[in-house]
C-alpha atoms as a PDB file:
ATOM      1  CA  MET A   1      69.768 -81.241 -51.453  1.00  0.00           C
ATOM      2  CA  ASN A   2      68.466 -78.700 -49.061  1.00  0.00           C
ATOM      3  CA  LYS A   3      65.642 -81.315 -47.869  1.00  0.00           C
ATOM      4  CA  HIS A   4      68.246 -83.965 -47.773  1.00  0.00           C
ATOM      5  CA  PHE A   5      70.673 -81.636 -45.707  1.00  0.00           C
ATOM      6  CA  GLU A   6      67.771 -81.034 -43.506  1.00  0.00           C
ATOM      7  CA  ASN A   7      66.897 -84.585 -42.668  1.00  0.00           C
ATOM      8  CA  PHE A   8      70.376 -85.457 -41.989  1.00  0.00           C
ATOM      9  CA  PHE A   9      70.426 -82.367 -39.626  1.00  0.00           C
ATOM     10  CA  LYS A  10      67.249 -83.689 -37.664  1.00  0.00           C
ATOM     11  CA  LYS A  11      68.705 -87.097 -37.482  1.00  0.00           C
ATOM     12  CA  THR A  12      71.908 -86.021 -36.068  1.00  0.00           C
ATOM     13  CA  ALA A  13      70.173 -83.735 -33.385  1.00  0.00           C
ATOM     14  CA  LEU A  14      67.753 -86.419 -32.123  1.00  0.00           C
ATOM     15  CA  TYR A  15      70.880 -88.805 -32.088  1.00  0.00           C
ATOM     16  CA  LEU A  16      72.449 -86.241 -29.756  1.00  0.00           C
ATOM     17  CA  VAL A  17      69.354 -86.165 -27.779  1.00  0.00           C
ATOM     18  CA  LEU A  18      69.139 -89.869 -27.238  1.00  0.00           C
ATOM     19  CA  ALA A  19      73.373 -90.061 -26.773  1.00  0.00           C
ATOM     20  CA  LEU A  20      72.688 -86.974 -23.760  1.00  0.00           C
ATOM     21  CA  ILE A  21      69.789 -88.576 -22.286  1.00  0.00           C
ATOM     22  CA  GLY A  22      71.301 -91.977 -22.331  1.00  0.00           C
ATOM     23  CA  ILE A  23      74.261 -90.505 -20.578  1.00  0.00           C
ATOM     24  CA  THR A  24      72.515 -88.769 -18.204  1.00  0.00           C
ATOM     25  CA  MET A  25      70.913 -92.368 -17.348  1.00  0.00           C
ATOM     26  CA  VAL A  26      74.172 -94.530 -17.050  1.00  0.00           C
ATOM     27  CA  LEU A  27      76.136 -91.462 -15.285  1.00  0.00           C
ATOM     28  CA  PRO A  28      74.899 -92.507 -11.870  1.00  0.00           C
ATOM     29  CA  PHE A  29      75.434 -96.336 -12.316  1.00  0.00           C
ATOM     30  CA  VAL A  30      79.188 -95.379 -13.204  1.00  0.00           C
ATOM     31  CA  TRP A  31      79.512 -93.517 -10.233  1.00  0.00           C
ATOM     32  CA  MET A  32      78.428 -96.191  -8.459  1.00  0.00           C
ATOM     33  CA  VAL A  33      80.633 -98.822  -9.515  1.00  0.00           C
ATOM     34  CA  SER A  34      83.311 -96.415  -9.303  1.00  0.00           C
ATOM     35  CA  THR A  35      82.582 -95.394  -5.636  1.00  0.00           C
ATOM     36  CA  SER A  36      82.777 -99.171  -4.855  1.00  0.00           C
ATOM     37  CA  LEU A  37      85.917 -99.551  -5.741  1.00  0.00           C
ATOM     38  CA  LYS A  38      87.634 -96.526  -3.865  1.00  0.00           C
ATOM     39  CA  GLU A  39      89.329 -96.091  -0.648  1.00  0.00           C
ATOM     40  CA  GLU A  40      87.104 -94.771   2.050  1.00  0.00           C
ATOM     41  CA  GLY A  41      89.083 -91.285   2.148  1.00  0.00           C
ATOM     42  CA  SER A  42      88.766 -90.982  -1.511  1.00  0.00           C
ATOM     43  CA  VAL A  43      84.794 -90.634  -2.327  1.00  0.00           C
ATOM     44  CA  PHE A  44      84.458 -87.119  -1.490  1.00  0.00           C
ATOM     45  CA  THR A  45      87.687 -85.287  -3.382  1.00  0.00           C
ATOM     46  CA  VAL A  46      87.816 -81.923  -4.471  1.00  0.00           C
ATOM     47  CA  LYS A  47      88.396 -83.191  -8.271  1.00  0.00           C
ATOM     48  CA  PRO A  48      85.838 -86.535  -8.576  1.00  0.00           C
ATOM     49  CA  GLU A  49      87.626 -89.434 -10.606  1.00  0.00           C
ATOM     50  CA  PHE A  50      85.297 -91.740 -11.868  1.00  0.00           C
ATOM     51  CA  ILE A  51      88.246 -94.411 -12.434  1.00  0.00           C
ATOM     52  CA  PRO A  52      89.803 -95.131  -8.979  1.00  0.00           C
ATOM     53  CA  LYS A  53      93.437 -95.397  -8.094  1.00  0.00           C
ATOM     54  CA  PRO A  54      93.645 -97.621  -6.854  1.00  0.00           C
ATOM     55  CA  ALA A  55      90.791 -99.869  -7.315  1.00  0.00           C
ATOM     56  CA  VAL A  56      90.163-101.638  -4.244  1.00  0.00           C
ATOM     57  CA  PHE A  57      87.811-104.813  -4.478  1.00  0.00           C
ATOM     58  CA  LYS A  58      87.774-105.552  -1.034  1.00  0.00           C
ATOM     59  CA  ASN A  59      84.912-103.683  -0.148  1.00  0.00           C
ATOM     60  CA  TYR A  60      82.655-106.255  -1.642  1.00  0.00           C
ATOM     61  CA  ALA A  61      84.005-108.905   0.700  1.00  0.00           C
ATOM     62  CA  THR A  62      84.004-106.007   3.430  1.00  0.00           C
ATOM     63  CA  VAL A  63      79.842-106.148   2.814  1.00  0.00           C
ATOM     64  CA  TRP A  64      79.196-109.322   2.358  1.00  0.00           C
ATOM     65  CA  ASN A  65      80.800-110.266   5.959  1.00  0.00           C
ATOM     66  CA  SER A  66      79.653-107.226   7.945  1.00  0.00           C
ATOM     67  CA  LEU A  67      75.993-108.029   7.408  1.00  0.00           C
ATOM     68  CA  PRO A  68      74.185-111.576   7.335  1.00  0.00           C
ATOM     69  CA  PHE A  69      74.417-110.484   3.686  1.00  0.00           C
ATOM     70  CA  GLY A  70      73.662-113.858   2.221  1.00  0.00           C
ATOM     71  CA  ARG A  71      70.640-114.251   4.115  1.00  0.00           C
ATOM     72  CA  PHE A  72      69.306-110.675   2.950  1.00  0.00           C
ATOM     73  CA  PHE A  73      70.049-111.755  -0.740  1.00  0.00           C
ATOM     74  CA  GLY A  74      68.131-115.219  -0.540  1.00  0.00           C
ATOM     75  CA  ASN A  75      65.179-114.017   1.056  1.00  0.00           C
ATOM     76  CA  SER A  76      65.010-111.000  -1.602  1.00  0.00           C
ATOM     77  CA  LEU A  77      65.572-113.488  -4.193  1.00  0.00           C
ATOM     78  CA  PHE A  78      62.674-115.805  -2.577  1.00  0.00           C
ATOM     79  CA  VAL A  79      60.196-113.311  -1.972  1.00  0.00           C
ATOM     80  CA  ALA A  80      60.446-111.641  -5.682  1.00  0.00           C
ATOM     81  CA  ILE A  81      60.557-114.838  -7.287  1.00  0.00           C
ATOM     82  CA  SER A  82      57.505-115.817  -5.434  1.00  0.00           C
ATOM     83  CA  ILE A  83      55.986-112.571  -5.608  1.00  0.00           C
ATOM     84  CA  THR A  84      56.412-112.548  -9.483  1.00  0.00           C
ATOM     85  CA  ILE A  85      55.083-116.100 -10.164  1.00  0.00           C
ATOM     86  CA  GLY A  86      52.118-115.159  -7.920  1.00  0.00           C
ATOM     87  CA  GLN A  87      51.070-112.030  -9.928  1.00  0.00           C
ATOM     88  CA  VAL A  88      51.690-113.560 -13.085  1.00  0.00           C
ATOM     89  CA  LEU A  89      49.643-116.664 -12.468  1.00  0.00           C
ATOM     90  CA  THR A  90      46.480-114.705 -10.414  1.00  0.00           C
ATOM     91  CA  SER A  91      47.103-111.452 -13.273  1.00  0.00           C
ATOM     92  CA  SER A  92      46.324-114.233 -16.153  1.00  0.00           C
ATOM     93  CA  LEU A  93      43.847-115.885 -14.828  1.00  0.00           C
ATOM     94  CA  ALA A  94      41.828-112.490 -14.064  1.00  0.00           C
ATOM     95  CA  ALA A  95      42.742-111.067 -17.343  1.00  0.00           C
ATOM     96  CA  TYR A  96      41.744-114.470 -19.272  1.00  0.00           C
ATOM     97  CA  SER A  97      38.370-113.896 -17.540  1.00  0.00           C
ATOM     98  CA  PHE A  98      37.831-110.323 -18.446  1.00  0.00           C
ATOM     99  CA  ALA A  99      39.520-110.461 -21.740  1.00  0.00           C
ATOM    100  CA  ARG A 100      37.567-113.992 -23.120  1.00  0.00           C
ATOM    101  CA  LEU A 101      34.495-115.088 -20.890  1.00  0.00           C
ATOM    102  CA  ASP A 102      31.215-113.316 -21.221  1.00  0.00           C
ATOM    103  CA  PHE A 103      29.457-113.055 -17.586  1.00  0.00           C
ATOM    104  CA  PRO A 104      26.893-110.511 -15.852  1.00  0.00           C
ATOM    105  CA  GLY A 105      28.376-107.185 -15.064  1.00  0.00           C
ATOM    106  CA  ARG A 106      31.958-108.216 -16.535  1.00  0.00           C
ATOM    107  CA  ASP A 107      32.747-104.540 -17.403  1.00  0.00           C
ATOM    108  CA  LYS A 108      31.422-102.742 -14.727  1.00  0.00           C
ATOM    109  CA  LEU A 109      33.272-105.400 -12.053  1.00  0.00           C
ATOM    110  CA  PHE A 110      36.526-104.811 -14.807  1.00  0.00           C
ATOM    111  CA  LEU A 111      36.142-100.525 -14.015  1.00  0.00           C
ATOM    112  CA  VAL A 112      35.916-101.288 -10.349  1.00  0.00           C
ATOM    113  CA  TYR A 113      38.749-103.491 -10.155  1.00  0.00           C
ATOM    114  CA  LEU A 114      40.557-100.424 -12.269  1.00  0.00           C
ATOM    115  CA  GLY A 115      39.711 -98.365  -9.781  1.00  0.00           C
ATOM    116  CA  THR A 116      41.713 -99.475  -7.222  1.00  0.00           C
ATOM    117  CA  LEU A 117      44.873 -98.486  -9.056  1.00  0.00           C
ATOM    118  CA  MET A 118      43.885 -95.026  -8.164  1.00  0.00           C
ATOM    119  CA  ILE A 119      44.343 -95.801  -4.593  1.00  0.00           C
ATOM    120  CA  PRO A 120      47.969 -94.807  -3.199  1.00  0.00           C
ATOM    121  CA  ALA A 121      49.689 -98.038  -1.367  1.00  0.00           C
ATOM    122  CA  HIS A 122      50.532 -95.993   1.540  1.00  0.00           C
ATOM    123  CA  VAL A 123      46.483 -95.574   1.991  1.00  0.00           C
ATOM    124  CA  THR A 124      46.131 -99.325   2.552  1.00  0.00           C
ATOM    125  CA  MET A 125      49.003 -99.963   4.202  1.00  0.00           C
ATOM    126  CA  ILE A 126      47.948 -99.677   7.863  1.00  0.00           C
ATOM    127  CA  PRO A 127      45.017-101.390   7.463  1.00  0.00           C
ATOM    128  CA  MET A 128      47.075-104.501   5.664  1.00  0.00           C
ATOM    129  CA  PHE A 129      49.348-104.053   8.537  1.00  0.00           C
ATOM    130  CA  ALA A 130      46.474-104.641  10.944  1.00  0.00           C
ATOM    131  CA  PHE A 131      45.297-107.434   9.202  1.00  0.00           C
ATOM    132  CA  ILE A 132      48.546-108.986   9.019  1.00  0.00           C
ATOM    133  CA  ARG A 133      48.896-108.710  12.635  1.00  0.00           C
ATOM    134  CA  ASN A 134      45.908-109.962  13.452  1.00  0.00           C
ATOM    135  CA  LEU A 135      46.528-113.436  11.688  1.00  0.00           C
ATOM    136  CA  GLY A 136      49.836-113.475  13.774  1.00  0.00           C
ATOM    137  CA  TRP A 137      52.094-113.184  10.334  1.00  0.00           C
ATOM    138  CA  ILE A 138      54.144-110.264  11.265  1.00  0.00           C
ATOM    139  CA  ASP A 139      57.898-111.434  10.443  1.00  0.00           C
ATOM    140  CA  THR A 140      57.128-114.223   8.086  1.00  0.00           C
ATOM    141  CA  TYR A 141      57.225-115.070   4.443  1.00  0.00           C
ATOM    142  CA  LYS A 142      53.392-115.136   4.282  1.00  0.00           C
ATOM    143  CA  ALA A 143      53.216-111.378   5.438  1.00  0.00           C
ATOM    144  CA  LEU A 144      55.890-110.282   2.715  1.00  0.00           C
ATOM    145  CA  ILE A 145      54.631-112.681  -0.464  1.00  0.00           C
ATOM    146  CA  LEU A 146      50.730-112.865  -0.292  1.00  0.00           C
ATOM    147  CA  PRO A 147      49.589-108.810   0.114  1.00  0.00           C
ATOM    148  CA  ALA A 148      51.527-108.644  -3.206  1.00  0.00           C
ATOM    149  CA  MET A 149      50.544-111.285  -5.338  1.00  0.00           C
ATOM    150  CA  PHE A 150      47.137-109.540  -6.935  1.00  0.00           C
ATOM    151  CA  THR A 151      47.638-106.612  -8.719  1.00  0.00           C
ATOM    152  CA  ALA A 152      45.208-104.482 -10.823  1.00  0.00           C
ATOM    153  CA  TYR A 153      47.856-103.435 -13.306  1.00  0.00           C
ATOM    154  CA  GLY A 154      48.860-106.840 -13.964  1.00  0.00           C
ATOM    155  CA  THR A 155      45.516-107.609 -15.206  1.00  0.00           C
ATOM    156  CA  PHE A 156      44.704-104.589 -16.977  1.00  0.00           C
ATOM    157  CA  MET A 157      48.014-104.851 -19.042  1.00  0.00           C
ATOM    158  CA  LEU A 158      47.334-108.889 -19.905  1.00  0.00           C
ATOM    159  CA  ARG A 159      43.917-108.413 -20.606  1.00  0.00           C
ATOM    160  CA  GLN A 160      44.593-106.052 -23.319  1.00  0.00           C
ATOM    161  CA  PHE A 161      47.068-108.437 -24.717  1.00  0.00           C
ATOM    162  CA  PHE A 162      45.021-111.113 -24.628  1.00  0.00           C
ATOM    163  CA  LEU A 163      42.542-109.210 -26.604  1.00  0.00           C
ATOM    164  CA  THR A 164      44.892-109.147 -29.693  1.00  0.00           C
ATOM    165  CA  ILE A 165      44.702-112.839 -29.894  1.00  0.00           C
ATOM    166  CA  PRO A 166      42.578-113.871 -32.713  1.00  0.00           C
ATOM    167  CA  LYS A 167      39.126-115.229 -31.078  1.00  0.00           C
ATOM    168  CA  GLU A 168      39.311-118.064 -34.391  1.00  0.00           C
ATOM    169  CA  LEU A 169      41.820-120.008 -32.503  1.00  0.00           C
ATOM    170  CA  GLU A 170      39.417-119.927 -28.902  1.00  0.00           C
ATOM    171  CA  GLU A 171      36.634-121.416 -31.068  1.00  0.00           C
ATOM    172  CA  ALA A 172      38.443-123.917 -32.882  1.00  0.00           C
ATOM    173  CA  ALA A 173      39.794-125.235 -29.667  1.00  0.00           C
ATOM    174  CA  LEU A 174      36.085-125.084 -28.145  1.00  0.00           C
ATOM    175  CA  ILE A 175      35.042-126.939 -31.381  1.00  0.00           C
ATOM    176  CA  ASP A 176      37.919-130.103 -30.393  1.00  0.00           C
ATOM    177  CA  GLY A 177      36.272-130.098 -26.529  1.00  0.00           C
ATOM    178  CA  CYS A 178      39.018-128.150 -25.001  1.00  0.00           C
ATOM    179  CA  SER A 179      37.950-126.283 -22.028  1.00  0.00           C
ATOM    180  CA  HIS A 180      38.355-123.210 -21.047  1.00  0.00           C
ATOM    181  CA  PHE A 181      41.197-123.474 -18.721  1.00  0.00           C
ATOM    182  CA  GLY A 182      42.829-125.419 -21.710  1.00  0.00           C
ATOM    183  CA  ILE A 183      42.359-122.695 -23.672  1.00  0.00           C
ATOM    184  CA  TYR A 184      43.717-120.364 -21.206  1.00  0.00           C
ATOM    185  CA  TRP A 185      47.016-123.000 -20.525  1.00  0.00           C
ATOM    186  CA  HIS A 186      47.510-124.255 -24.025  1.00  0.00           C
ATOM    187  CA  ILE A 187      47.011-121.489 -26.060  1.00  0.00           C
ATOM    188  CA  ILE A 188      46.495-118.111 -24.390  1.00  0.00           C
ATOM    189  CA  LEU A 189      49.808-118.547 -22.331  1.00  0.00           C
ATOM    190  CA  PRO A 190      51.867-119.600 -25.248  1.00  0.00           C
ATOM    191  CA  LEU A 191      50.959-116.803 -27.025  1.00  0.00           C
ATOM    192  CA  SER A 192      51.720-113.997 -24.764  1.00  0.00           C
ATOM    193  CA  MET A 193      55.324-114.617 -23.721  1.00  0.00           C
ATOM    194  CA  PRO A 194      56.062-111.175 -24.605  1.00  0.00           C
ATOM    195  CA  ALA A 195      53.450-109.865 -21.925  1.00  0.00           C
ATOM    196  CA  LEU A 196      53.978-112.283 -19.582  1.00  0.00           C
ATOM    197  CA  ALA A 197      58.012-111.256 -19.710  1.00  0.00           C
ATOM    198  CA  THR A 198      57.115-107.913 -19.495  1.00  0.00           C
ATOM    199  CA  LEU A 199      54.908-108.285 -16.574  1.00  0.00           C
ATOM    200  CA  SER A 200      57.383-110.726 -15.094  1.00  0.00           C
ATOM    201  CA  THR A 201      60.050-108.128 -15.546  1.00  0.00           C
ATOM    202  CA  PHE A 202      58.279-105.054 -13.757  1.00  0.00           C
ATOM    203  CA  THR A 203      57.233-107.311 -10.869  1.00  0.00           C
ATOM    204  CA  PHE A 204      60.651-108.563 -10.218  1.00  0.00           C
ATOM    205  CA  LEU A 205      61.983-105.238 -10.295  1.00  0.00           C
ATOM    206  CA  GLY A 206      59.326-103.542  -7.920  1.00  0.00           C
ATOM    207  CA  THR A 207      59.280-106.356  -5.535  1.00  0.00           C
ATOM    208  CA  TRP A 208      63.323-106.642  -5.533  1.00  0.00           C
ATOM    209  CA  ASN A 209      63.625-102.720  -4.773  1.00  0.00           C
ATOM    210  CA  ASP A 210      60.942-102.384  -1.949  1.00  0.00           C
ATOM    211  CA  PHE A 211      62.051-101.155   1.066  1.00  0.00           C
ATOM    212  CA  LEU A 212      58.785-100.161   2.798  1.00  0.00           C
ATOM    213  CA  TRP A 213      56.571-102.948   2.995  1.00  0.00           C
ATOM    214  CA  PRO A 214      59.454-105.393   3.970  1.00  0.00           C
ATOM    215  CA  LEU A 215      60.607-102.684   7.132  1.00  0.00           C
ATOM    216  CA  VAL A 216      56.983-102.576   7.867  1.00  0.00           C
ATOM    217  CA  VAL A 217      56.782-106.355   8.413  1.00  0.00           C
ATOM    218  CA  THR A 218      59.936-107.954   9.554  1.00  0.00           C
ATOM    219  CA  ILE A 219      61.578-107.494  12.493  1.00  0.00           C
ATOM    220  CA  SER A 220      64.429-110.383  12.816  1.00  0.00           C
ATOM    221  CA  ASN A 221      67.568-110.525  10.618  1.00  0.00           C
ATOM    222  CA  ASP A 222      66.352-113.973   9.097  1.00  0.00           C
ATOM    223  CA  LYS A 223      63.187-112.422   7.397  1.00  0.00           C
ATOM    224  CA  LYS A 224      64.887-108.827   6.383  1.00  0.00           C
ATOM    225  CA  THR A 225      65.041-108.326   2.306  1.00  0.00           C
ATOM    226  CA  LEU A 226      68.308-106.938   1.061  1.00  0.00           C
ATOM    227  CA  PRO A 227      66.914-103.046   0.504  1.00  0.00           C
ATOM    228  CA  VAL A 228      66.338-103.213   4.101  1.00  0.00           C
ATOM    229  CA  GLY A 229      69.672-104.637   5.460  1.00  0.00           C
ATOM    230  CA  LEU A 230      71.739-102.440   3.127  1.00  0.00           C
ATOM    231  CA  ALA A 231      69.780 -99.641   5.047  1.00  0.00           C
ATOM    232  CA  THR A 232      71.272-100.724   8.265  1.00  0.00           C
ATOM    233  CA  LEU A 233      74.979 -99.291   6.579  1.00  0.00           C
ATOM    234  CA  GLN A 234      73.563 -96.291   6.511  1.00  0.00           C
ATOM    235  CA  GLY A 235      74.551 -94.748  10.292  1.00  0.00           C
ATOM    236  CA  GLN A 236      73.096 -91.617  12.127  1.00  0.00           C
ATOM    237  CA  TYR A 237      76.297 -89.552  11.783  1.00  0.00           C
ATOM    238  CA  ASN A 238      78.792 -91.545   9.578  1.00  0.00           C
ATOM    239  CA  THR A 239      78.298 -93.753   6.525  1.00  0.00           C
ATOM    240  CA  ASP A 240      81.227 -95.667   4.460  1.00  0.00           C
ATOM    241  CA  TRP A 241      79.523 -94.959   1.151  1.00  0.00           C
ATOM    242  CA  THR A 242      82.317 -97.161  -0.685  1.00  0.00           C
ATOM    243  CA  ILE A 243      80.730-100.485   1.626  1.00  0.00           C
ATOM    244  CA  LEU A 244      77.030 -99.193   0.854  1.00  0.00           C
ATOM    245  CA  MET A 245      77.746 -98.558  -3.344  1.00  0.00           C
ATOM    246  CA  ALA A 246      79.771-102.093  -3.239  1.00  0.00           C
ATOM    247  CA  GLY A 247      76.187-103.578  -1.950  1.00  0.00           C
ATOM    248  CA  SER A 248      74.033-101.804  -4.160  1.00  0.00           C
ATOM    249  CA  VAL A 249      76.164-102.929  -7.201  1.00  0.00           C
ATOM    250  CA  ILE A 250      75.536-106.139  -5.875  1.00  0.00           C
ATOM    251  CA  VAL A 251      72.078-105.938  -5.304  1.00  0.00           C
ATOM    252  CA  ILE A 252      71.267-104.088  -9.065  1.00  0.00           C
ATOM    253  CA  LEU A 253      73.132-107.685 -10.759  1.00  0.00           C
ATOM    254  CA  PRO A 254      69.849-109.688 -10.239  1.00  0.00           C
ATOM    255  CA  VAL A 255      67.772-106.813 -12.316  1.00  0.00           C
ATOM    256  CA  LEU A 256      70.266-106.734 -14.643  1.00  0.00           C
ATOM    257  CA  ILE A 257      70.445-110.382 -15.843  1.00  0.00           C
ATOM    258  CA  LEU A 258      66.804-110.451 -15.898  1.00  0.00           C
ATOM    259  CA  PHE A 259      66.444-107.609 -18.070  1.00  0.00           C
ATOM    260  CA  ILE A 260      69.357-109.107 -20.406  1.00  0.00           C
ATOM    261  CA  LEU A 261      67.263-112.469 -20.587  1.00  0.00           C
ATOM    262  CA  ASN A 262      63.932-110.953 -21.018  1.00  0.00           C
ATOM    263  CA  GLN A 263      65.160-108.087 -23.541  1.00  0.00           C
ATOM    264  CA  ARG A 264      63.456-109.018 -26.600  1.00  0.00           C
ATOM    265  CA  PHE A 265      60.448-110.136 -25.291  1.00  0.00           C
ATOM    266  CA  PHE A 266      60.394-107.368 -23.035  1.00  0.00           C
ATOM    267  CA  VAL A 267      60.457-104.950 -25.745  1.00  0.00           C
ATOM    268  CA  LYS A 268      57.952-106.337 -27.865  1.00  0.00           C
ATOM    269  CA  GLY A 269      55.263-106.846 -25.000  1.00  0.00           C
ATOM    270  CA  ILE A 270      55.716-102.665 -24.414  1.00  0.00           C
ATOM    271  CA  THR A 271      55.171-102.203 -28.355  1.00  0.00           C
ATOM    272  CA  MET A 272      52.212-104.423 -28.534  1.00  0.00           C
ATOM    273  CA  THR A 273      50.097-104.475 -24.961  1.00  0.00           C
ATOM    274  CA  GLY A 274      47.281-102.098 -25.723  1.00  0.00           C
ATOM    275  CA  ILE A 275      47.119-102.875 -29.225  1.00  0.00           C
ATOM    276  CA  LYS A 276      43.506-104.408 -30.147  1.00  0.00           C
ATOM    277  CA  GLY A 277      43.229-105.959 -33.600  1.00  0.00           C
END
């Protein structure tokens, strides 16, 4: 009886801790939505209100009309989708080479490849900017997309997942006359949907929220992305937080939709990546 009570107490305590963590994570999002529905003068009140009275929806129309918001949104969507497709393609090809192909110096080259993860992105930003400027790519989609289409992290994650796929499938395909690219395309990729969905989610989220690189390489509003565009709503002496939060709610919607669509693959990919059978 005491053991049963002890287990019940442990589970209850665990659920309470998880609930507290969940509330802590959700609270900023709830406050953001609440602020986006408030009037300008009712944000910083003595008694905070999570449910605005009255709720004002005009802030969403204001933020959409006060900026070329549609252009910023389209730029972010195009850049994020392009980089996601590029990273999944290049990372999966490199991961297949490191996981399945046997060539001299493969493991040493892979370690060097992983070593690039220890170099902060801010260190390479100035040389990359100089390279992009010499190519004449400043304020172009090429500057926003091409440098971000290659990632050592994605290669590592997919390689670890590819190692869990039985080699017997590959050997049977080789006997039937399938090429290495055919094995990669028809066998490895269809069996790796959880890992591919996980990488796609991470890549899209990181690109969608990226602020510094688009700020450095874009000049005109025609090429600016949403994070850079929203930053223009913050003034030096005054900021309309209701408008800014309304824009932030719009920005976060595509990420939520993507996570909901990829959730079952995402959880499975996180669980299985790194397990080598």
